[in-house]
Protein backbone atom coordinates (compact mmCIF):
# COMPACT_ATOMS: atom_id res chain seq x y z
CA MET A 1 249.35 -15.25 167.09
CA GLY A 2 246.65 -17.41 166.44
CA SER A 3 243.64 -18.34 168.59
CA GLY A 4 242.09 -21.42 169.97
CA THR A 5 243.04 -24.06 172.47
CA ASN A 6 245.96 -26.10 172.18
CA VAL A 7 245.21 -29.65 173.95
CA GLY A 8 247.98 -30.78 175.70
CA VAL A 9 250.06 -27.62 175.66
CA ARG A 10 250.73 -25.59 178.70
CA THR A 11 250.09 -21.87 177.36
CA ALA A 12 250.65 -18.97 179.44
CA VAL A 13 249.98 -15.26 178.52
CA TYR A 14 252.38 -12.31 180.18
CA PRO A 15 250.35 -9.07 179.66
CA GLY A 16 251.97 -5.71 179.88
CA SER A 17 252.37 -2.47 178.52
CA PHE A 18 256.02 -2.79 178.03
CA ASP A 19 256.66 1.05 177.23
CA PRO A 20 259.64 0.25 176.47
CA VAL A 21 260.32 -3.53 177.16
CA THR A 22 263.54 -3.81 179.65
CA VAL A 23 265.67 -6.39 180.66
CA GLY A 24 263.40 -6.93 183.75
CA HIS A 25 260.83 -8.00 181.38
CA ARG A 26 262.87 -9.91 179.57
CA ASP A 27 264.01 -12.11 182.62
CA ILE A 28 260.35 -12.49 183.37
CA ILE A 29 259.77 -14.04 179.66
CA GLU A 30 262.67 -16.25 179.61
CA ARG A 31 261.65 -17.62 182.93
CA ALA A 32 257.96 -18.05 181.91
CA ALA A 33 259.12 -19.92 178.69
CA HIS A 34 261.30 -22.62 180.54
CA LEU A 35 258.02 -23.06 182.60
CA PHE A 36 255.50 -23.13 179.66
CA ASP A 37 255.47 -24.92 176.54
CA ARG A 38 254.11 -21.49 174.96
CA VAL A 39 254.10 -18.12 176.17
CA ILE A 40 252.03 -15.42 174.57
CA VAL A 41 253.49 -11.82 175.48
CA ALA A 42 250.31 -9.62 175.40
CA VAL A 43 251.12 -5.87 174.47
CA ALA A 44 248.45 -3.61 175.90
CA PRO A 45 247.20 -0.82 174.15
CA LEU A 46 247.47 1.51 177.26
CA SER A 47 244.46 3.59 176.13
CA SER A 48 242.59 1.90 179.06
CA ASN A 49 245.10 3.12 181.49
CA VAL A 50 244.90 6.85 181.98
CA GLU A 51 247.90 6.88 184.54
CA LYS A 52 250.31 5.61 181.87
CA ARG A 53 251.39 7.93 179.17
CA PRO A 54 252.96 5.92 176.35
CA LEU A 55 256.08 7.24 174.96
CA PHE A 56 256.06 4.42 172.24
CA ASP A 57 252.95 3.29 170.33
CA LEU A 58 251.74 -0.23 170.17
CA ALA A 59 253.59 -1.05 166.94
CA GLU A 60 256.54 0.18 168.20
CA ARG A 61 256.36 -1.64 171.63
CA THR A 62 255.19 -4.70 169.69
CA ALA A 63 258.27 -4.50 167.47
CA PHE A 64 260.70 -4.33 170.31
CA LEU A 65 259.19 -7.39 171.87
CA VAL A 66 259.34 -9.27 168.83
CA GLU A 67 262.95 -8.44 168.68
CA ALA A 68 263.70 -9.35 172.38
CA CYS A 69 261.97 -12.59 172.09
CA ALA A 70 263.40 -13.87 168.61
CA ASP A 71 265.70 -16.20 170.27
CA LEU A 72 262.89 -18.00 172.55
CA PRO A 73 261.04 -20.25 169.97
CA ASN A 74 258.34 -20.93 172.30
CA VAL A 75 257.27 -17.14 172.79
CA GLU A 76 255.05 -15.16 170.62
CA VAL A 77 254.06 -11.70 170.82
CA ASP A 78 250.60 -10.29 170.20
CA THR A 79 248.61 -7.16 170.90
CA LEU A 80 245.95 -7.29 173.69
CA ASP A 81 242.49 -6.52 173.04
CA GLY A 82 239.96 -6.53 175.88
CA LEU A 83 240.36 -8.05 179.33
CA VAL A 84 243.35 -10.21 179.94
CA VAL A 85 241.58 -13.06 181.18
CA GLU A 86 239.23 -13.17 178.12
CA PHE A 87 242.50 -12.95 175.70
CA ALA A 88 243.90 -15.93 177.72
CA ALA A 89 240.73 -18.10 177.41
CA ARG A 90 240.54 -17.32 173.57
CA HIS A 91 244.25 -18.42 173.23
CA GLY A 92 243.79 -21.46 175.55
CA ALA A 93 246.03 -20.23 178.06
CA ALA A 94 245.28 -21.69 181.80
CA VAL A 95 247.72 -19.02 183.40
CA ILE A 96 248.41 -15.41 183.46
CA VAL A 97 252.05 -14.72 184.36
CA LYS A 98 252.85 -11.29 186.20
CA GLY A 99 256.10 -10.09 187.46
CA LEU A 100 256.65 -8.67 190.79
CA ARG A 101 259.32 -6.53 192.02
CA ALA A 102 258.11 -5.29 195.28
CA LEU A 103 255.22 -5.82 197.83
CA SER A 104 253.18 -2.78 196.31
CA ASP A 105 253.34 -4.94 192.93
CA PHE A 106 251.57 -7.60 194.81
CA GLU A 107 248.81 -5.51 196.38
CA PHE A 108 247.83 -3.99 193.01
CA GLU A 109 248.35 -7.39 191.13
CA HIS A 110 245.93 -9.22 193.85
CA GLY A 111 243.11 -7.41 193.28
CA MET A 112 243.31 -7.94 189.45
CA ALA A 113 244.05 -12.01 189.87
CA LEU A 114 240.75 -12.01 191.99
CA MET A 115 238.64 -10.26 189.56
CA ASN A 116 240.05 -12.42 186.77
CA ARG A 117 239.48 -15.33 188.90
CA ARG A 118 235.77 -14.30 189.33
CA LEU A 119 235.49 -13.90 185.70
CA ARG A 120 237.57 -16.85 184.60
CA PRO A 121 237.91 -19.50 187.54
CA GLU A 122 239.87 -21.97 185.27
CA ILE A 123 242.55 -19.43 184.62
CA ASP A 124 244.98 -19.01 187.29
CA THR A 125 247.56 -16.18 187.99
CA LEU A 126 251.29 -17.06 188.56
CA TYR A 127 253.39 -14.47 190.27
CA LEU A 128 257.04 -14.42 189.35
CA MET A 129 259.45 -12.33 191.43
CA ALA A 130 261.80 -10.41 189.70
CA SER A 131 265.58 -11.45 189.74
CA ALA A 132 267.75 -9.57 192.34
CA GLU A 133 269.54 -8.00 189.62
CA VAL A 134 266.71 -6.28 187.90
CA SER A 135 264.18 -5.97 190.76
CA TYR A 136 264.45 -2.29 191.14
CA MET A 137 263.83 -1.70 187.24
CA SER A 138 260.60 -0.32 185.76
CA SER A 139 259.98 1.19 182.07
CA THR A 140 259.02 4.42 184.01
CA LEU A 141 262.59 4.62 185.52
CA VAL A 142 264.24 3.47 182.48
CA LYS A 143 262.32 6.35 180.69
CA GLU A 144 263.46 8.95 183.25
CA VAL A 145 267.09 8.05 183.34
CA ALA A 146 266.96 8.47 179.51
CA ARG A 147 265.29 11.85 179.70
CA LEU A 148 267.90 12.88 182.09
CA GLY A 149 270.84 11.55 179.80
CA GLY A 150 271.87 8.75 182.05
CA ALA A 151 273.38 5.36 180.40
CA LEU A 152 270.89 2.91 179.39
CA ASP A 153 273.37 -0.05 179.05
CA GLY A 154 271.97 -3.20 180.86
CA LEU A 155 268.52 -1.70 181.15
CA VAL A 156 267.27 -2.23 177.73
CA SER A 157 268.42 -3.53 174.24
CA PRO A 158 270.69 -1.36 172.06
CA SER A 159 267.90 -0.65 169.86
CA VAL A 160 265.46 0.36 172.28
CA ALA A 161 268.11 2.65 173.73
CA ARG A 162 268.29 4.32 170.41
CA ALA A 163 264.90 4.66 170.05
CA LEU A 164 264.45 6.06 173.44
CA HIS A 165 267.16 8.69 172.77
CA GLU A 166 265.59 9.46 169.44
CA LYS A 167 262.08 9.69 170.96
CA LEU A 168 263.09 11.98 173.68
CA ARG A 169 265.24 14.38 171.37
CA SER A 170 262.08 14.80 169.26
CA ALA A 171 259.68 15.43 172.25
CA PRO A 172 258.58 18.82 172.84
């Protein structure tokens, strides 16, 4: 969770809202952890994205990710402040990792990657295709399944499933 450059260490940042973290996110994190010496999962506050209405607050989402990544020694979880590309630069990362499920994800991410490249040409974006078994999964879809009383086994961790059910039971 510190800042600064780690010379000789290949660092990547995997940013997202993770509302909540799914096994699809975990798939990307685990694969990035095999590719890089250090992976920082950067949890976005969501306040800057008006299209996303968070179910879980920043502290809850961060705690879920810390739990999800506990067995990955080269993965850290931190909260994102400001631009992802500037966060990456402060943490000595040369790469921003983005997970892609479909062509529509690429279209959205491509524009962001180009802007990031303009702001910080030394930082690249690496796209990892979602594994086939989780390519359909999104946090939004998981929340909808939970809202409608569907089973969450294999979609999120048991602790996230419990929290989803509790949060949705107490929602107005």
